Amino acid sequence: MNPLTALSGLTGGASRRPVGWQMQLRVDHVVNQVMQTHRGRPEDDIKLEIQDQLRVYGVVPNKRQIAQYASAISALPPGR
């Protein structure tokens, strides 16, 4: 499934959503993908991967937020 397909299906009620909600969905999607593939790896590798994948979606990452995600993913046990 194309990741943006899920976003395009959300219509109506846009005026009730907070500003930046699509960007946060994209960040959540990328973090979940990286969590599956980079568990237990060094934080710097994880930061780079998250930043690279977010740029594909046109999202400029918040460095502090990315560092927190990278720290949490690095602390997870390695994946299979």
N, C-alpha and C. Protein backbone atom coordinates (compact mmCIF):
# COMPACT_ATOMS: atom_id res chain seq x y z
N MET A 1 0.85 -1.17 0.00
CA MET A 1 0.00 0.00 0.00
C MET A 1 0.89 1.23 0.00
N ASN A 2 0.56 2.17 -0.84
CA ASN A 2 1.29 3.42 -0.89
C ASN A 2 1.01 4.21 0.38
N PRO A 3 2.05 4.65 1.11
CA PRO A 3 1.83 5.34 2.39
C PRO A 3 0.93 6.56 2.28
N LEU A 4 0.99 7.27 1.17
CA LEU A 4 0.17 8.47 1.04
C LEU A 4 -1.27 8.14 0.70
N THR A 5 -1.56 6.91 0.26
CA THR A 5 -2.93 6.52 -0.03
C THR A 5 -3.79 6.63 1.22
N ALA A 6 -3.24 6.24 2.35
CA ALA A 6 -4.00 6.32 3.60
C ALA A 6 -4.36 7.76 3.92
N LEU A 7 -3.48 8.68 3.60
CA LEU A 7 -3.74 10.08 3.89
C LEU A 7 -4.78 10.67 2.94
N SER A 8 -4.77 10.23 1.67
CA SER A 8 -5.69 10.81 0.70
C SER A 8 -7.13 10.39 0.96
N GLY A 9 -7.33 9.30 1.67
CA GLY A 9 -8.67 8.84 1.97
C GLY A 9 -9.36 9.61 3.07
N LEU A 10 -8.63 10.46 3.75
CA LEU A 10 -9.20 11.23 4.85
C LEU A 10 -9.77 12.53 4.30
N THR A 11 -11.08 12.61 4.21
CA THR A 11 -11.71 13.81 3.69
C THR A 11 -12.77 14.30 4.65
N GLY A 12 -13.15 15.54 4.48
CA GLY A 12 -14.21 16.11 5.31
C GLY A 12 -13.73 16.46 6.70
N GLY A 13 -14.28 17.50 7.24
CA GLY A 13 -13.97 17.89 8.61
C GLY A 13 -12.58 18.45 8.79
N ALA A 14 -11.95 18.85 7.70
CA ALA A 14 -10.58 19.34 7.80
C ALA A 14 -10.47 20.58 8.67
N SER A 15 -11.54 21.37 8.74
CA SER A 15 -11.46 22.59 9.54
C SER A 15 -11.39 22.29 11.04
N ARG A 16 -11.72 21.08 11.44
CA ARG A 16 -11.67 20.71 12.86
C ARG A 16 -10.34 20.11 13.25
N ARG A 17 -9.51 19.81 12.28
CA ARG A 17 -8.21 19.21 12.58
C ARG A 17 -7.19 20.30 12.86
N PRO A 18 -6.26 20.02 13.77
CA PRO A 18 -5.23 21.02 14.07
C PRO A 18 -4.26 21.18 12.90
N VAL A 19 -3.64 22.33 12.82
CA VAL A 19 -2.65 22.59 11.79
C VAL A 19 -1.51 21.59 11.94
N GLY A 20 -1.06 21.04 10.85
CA GLY A 20 0.07 20.12 10.88
C GLY A 20 -0.29 18.66 11.12
N TRP A 21 -1.56 18.33 11.11
CA TRP A 21 -1.94 16.94 11.41
C TRP A 21 -1.42 15.97 10.36
N GLN A 22 -1.37 16.38 9.08
CA GLN A 22 -0.85 15.48 8.05
C GLN A 22 0.65 15.25 8.24
N MET A 23 1.35 16.31 8.62
CA MET A 23 2.78 16.17 8.85
C MET A 23 3.04 15.18 9.99
N GLN A 24 2.24 15.25 11.06
CA GLN A 24 2.44 14.33 12.18
C GLN A 24 2.13 12.89 11.78
N LEU A 25 1.14 12.71 10.91
CA LEU A 25 0.85 11.36 10.41
C LEU A 25 2.05 10.81 9.64
N ARG A 26 2.67 11.65 8.86
CA ARG A 26 3.84 11.22 8.09
C ARG A 26 5.01 10.89 9.02
N VAL A 27 5.20 11.70 10.04
CA VAL A 27 6.27 11.43 11.01
C VAL A 27 6.00 10.11 11.71
N ASP A 28 4.77 9.90 12.15
CA ASP A 28 4.41 8.64 12.82
C ASP A 28 4.66 7.44 11.91
N HIS A 29 4.29 7.57 10.65
CA HIS A 29 4.48 6.48 9.70
C HIS A 29 5.96 6.14 9.54
N VAL A 30 6.78 7.17 9.35
CA VAL A 30 8.22 6.95 9.16
C VAL A 30 8.85 6.36 10.42
N VAL A 31 8.49 6.87 11.57
CA VAL A 31 9.06 6.35 12.82
C VAL A 31 8.68 4.88 13.00
N ASN A 32 7.45 4.52 12.67
CA ASN A 32 7.04 3.12 12.79
C ASN A 32 7.81 2.23 11.82
N GLN A 33 8.05 2.72 10.61
CA GLN A 33 8.83 1.95 9.64
C GLN A 33 10.26 1.75 10.13
N VAL A 34 10.87 2.82 10.61
CA VAL A 34 12.25 2.74 11.09
C VAL A 34 12.34 1.86 12.33
N MET A 35 11.32 1.92 13.17
CA MET A 35 11.31 1.09 14.38
C MET A 35 11.35 -0.40 14.02
N GLN A 36 10.70 -0.76 12.95
CA GLN A 36 10.68 -2.16 12.53
C GLN A 36 12.01 -2.61 11.95
N THR A 37 12.73 -1.70 11.30
CA THR A 37 13.96 -2.10 10.60
C THR A 37 15.25 -1.76 11.32
N HIS A 38 15.23 -0.85 12.28
CA HIS A 38 16.48 -0.36 12.89
C HIS A 38 16.53 -0.52 14.41
N ARG A 39 15.72 -1.38 14.97
CA ARG A 39 15.72 -1.59 16.42
C ARG A 39 17.11 -1.98 16.91
N GLY A 40 17.53 -1.37 18.01
CA GLY A 40 18.79 -1.75 18.64
C GLY A 40 20.04 -1.23 17.95
N ARG A 41 19.90 -0.51 16.87
CA ARG A 41 21.06 0.04 16.18
C ARG A 41 21.49 1.35 16.85
N PRO A 42 22.66 1.85 16.49
CA PRO A 42 23.14 3.11 17.08
C PRO A 42 22.20 4.28 16.76
N GLU A 43 22.09 5.20 17.71
CA GLU A 43 21.18 6.34 17.57
C GLU A 43 21.47 7.17 16.32
N ASP A 44 22.75 7.36 16.01
CA ASP A 44 23.10 8.19 14.85
C ASP A 44 22.58 7.57 13.55
N ASP A 45 22.66 6.25 13.44
CA ASP A 45 22.13 5.57 12.24
C ASP A 45 20.62 5.77 12.14
N ILE A 46 19.96 5.67 13.27
CA ILE A 46 18.50 5.81 13.30
C ILE A 46 18.09 7.24 12.96
N LYS A 47 18.79 8.22 13.51
CA LYS A 47 18.49 9.62 13.21
C LYS A 47 18.60 9.89 11.71
N LEU A 48 19.68 9.41 11.12
CA LEU A 48 19.87 9.63 9.69
C LEU A 48 18.77 8.98 8.86
N GLU A 49 18.39 7.78 9.23
CA GLU A 49 17.34 7.08 8.49
C GLU A 49 16.00 7.81 8.60
N ILE A 50 15.66 8.25 9.80
CA ILE A 50 14.40 8.98 9.98
C ILE A 50 14.43 10.27 9.17
N GLN A 51 15.52 11.01 9.24
CA GLN A 51 15.62 12.27 8.50
C GLN A 51 15.53 12.03 7.00
N ASP A 52 16.22 11.02 6.49
CA ASP A 52 16.18 10.72 5.06
C ASP A 52 14.77 10.36 4.60
N GLN A 53 14.09 9.53 5.38
CA GLN A 53 12.75 9.11 4.98
C GLN A 53 11.74 10.27 5.09
N LEU A 54 11.90 11.14 6.08
CA LEU A 54 11.00 12.27 6.20
C LEU A 54 11.16 13.25 5.05
N ARG A 55 12.38 13.41 4.58
CA ARG A 55 12.61 14.31 3.46
C ARG A 55 11.87 13.85 2.21
N VAL A 56 11.70 12.55 2.04
CA VAL A 56 10.95 12.02 0.91
C VAL A 56 9.52 12.56 0.93
N TYR A 57 8.96 12.73 2.12
CA TYR A 57 7.59 13.23 2.27
C TYR A 57 7.54 14.76 2.36
N GLY A 58 8.68 15.41 2.25
CA GLY A 58 8.71 16.86 2.32
C GLY A 58 8.59 17.41 3.73
N VAL A 59 8.92 16.59 4.71
CA VAL A 59 8.83 17.01 6.12
C VAL A 59 10.22 17.39 6.60
N VAL A 60 10.33 18.59 7.15
CA VAL A 60 11.59 19.02 7.76
C VAL A 60 11.53 18.58 9.22
N PRO A 61 12.39 17.63 9.59
CA PRO A 61 12.29 17.07 10.94
C PRO A 61 12.76 18.02 12.03
N ASN A 62 12.11 17.90 13.18
CA ASN A 62 12.51 18.61 14.39
C ASN A 62 13.63 17.79 15.02
N LYS A 63 14.81 18.36 15.13
CA LYS A 63 15.98 17.61 15.60
C LYS A 63 15.80 17.03 17.00
N ARG A 64 15.16 17.77 17.89
CA ARG A 64 14.95 17.29 19.25
C ARG A 64 13.99 16.09 19.24
N GLN A 65 12.93 16.19 18.47
CA GLN A 65 11.96 15.10 18.39
C GLN A 65 12.60 13.86 17.77
N ILE A 66 13.38 14.05 16.72
CA ILE A 66 14.06 12.93 16.06
C ILE A 66 15.04 12.27 17.03
N ALA A 67 15.74 13.06 17.83
CA ALA A 67 16.68 12.50 18.81
C ALA A 67 15.95 11.64 19.84
N GLN A 68 14.77 12.08 20.26
CA GLN A 68 13.99 11.30 21.23
C GLN A 68 13.53 9.97 20.61
N TYR A 69 13.04 10.04 19.38
CA TYR A 69 12.63 8.80 18.71
C TYR A 69 13.82 7.86 18.54
N ALA A 70 14.95 8.41 18.11
CA ALA A 70 16.15 7.58 17.89
C ALA A 70 16.61 6.92 19.19
N SER A 71 16.56 7.65 20.27
CA SER A 71 16.97 7.10 21.56
C SER A 71 16.07 5.94 21.96
N ALA A 72 14.78 6.10 21.78
CA ALA A 72 13.82 5.05 22.15
C ALA A 72 13.98 3.82 21.25
N ILE A 73 14.16 4.03 19.96
CA ILE A 73 14.31 2.90 19.03
C ILE A 73 15.62 2.17 19.28
N SER A 74 16.67 2.92 19.59
CA SER A 74 17.97 2.31 19.87
C SER A 74 17.92 1.43 21.11
N ALA A 75 17.09 1.81 22.06
CA ALA A 75 17.00 1.04 23.33
C ALA A 75 16.20 -0.25 23.16
N LEU A 76 15.49 -0.41 22.08
CA LEU A 76 14.70 -1.63 21.85
C LEU A 76 15.62 -2.80 21.55
N PRO A 77 15.18 -4.02 21.86
CA PRO A 77 15.99 -5.18 21.50
C PRO A 77 16.02 -5.31 19.97
N PRO A 78 17.15 -5.79 19.44
CA PRO A 78 17.26 -5.92 17.98
C PRO A 78 16.14 -6.78 17.40
N GLY A 79 15.73 -6.40 16.19
CA GLY A 79 14.66 -7.14 15.50
C GLY A 79 15.19 -8.44 14.93
N ARG A 80 14.30 -9.15 14.31
CA ARG A 80 14.67 -10.46 13.76
C ARG A 80 15.45 -10.33 12.50
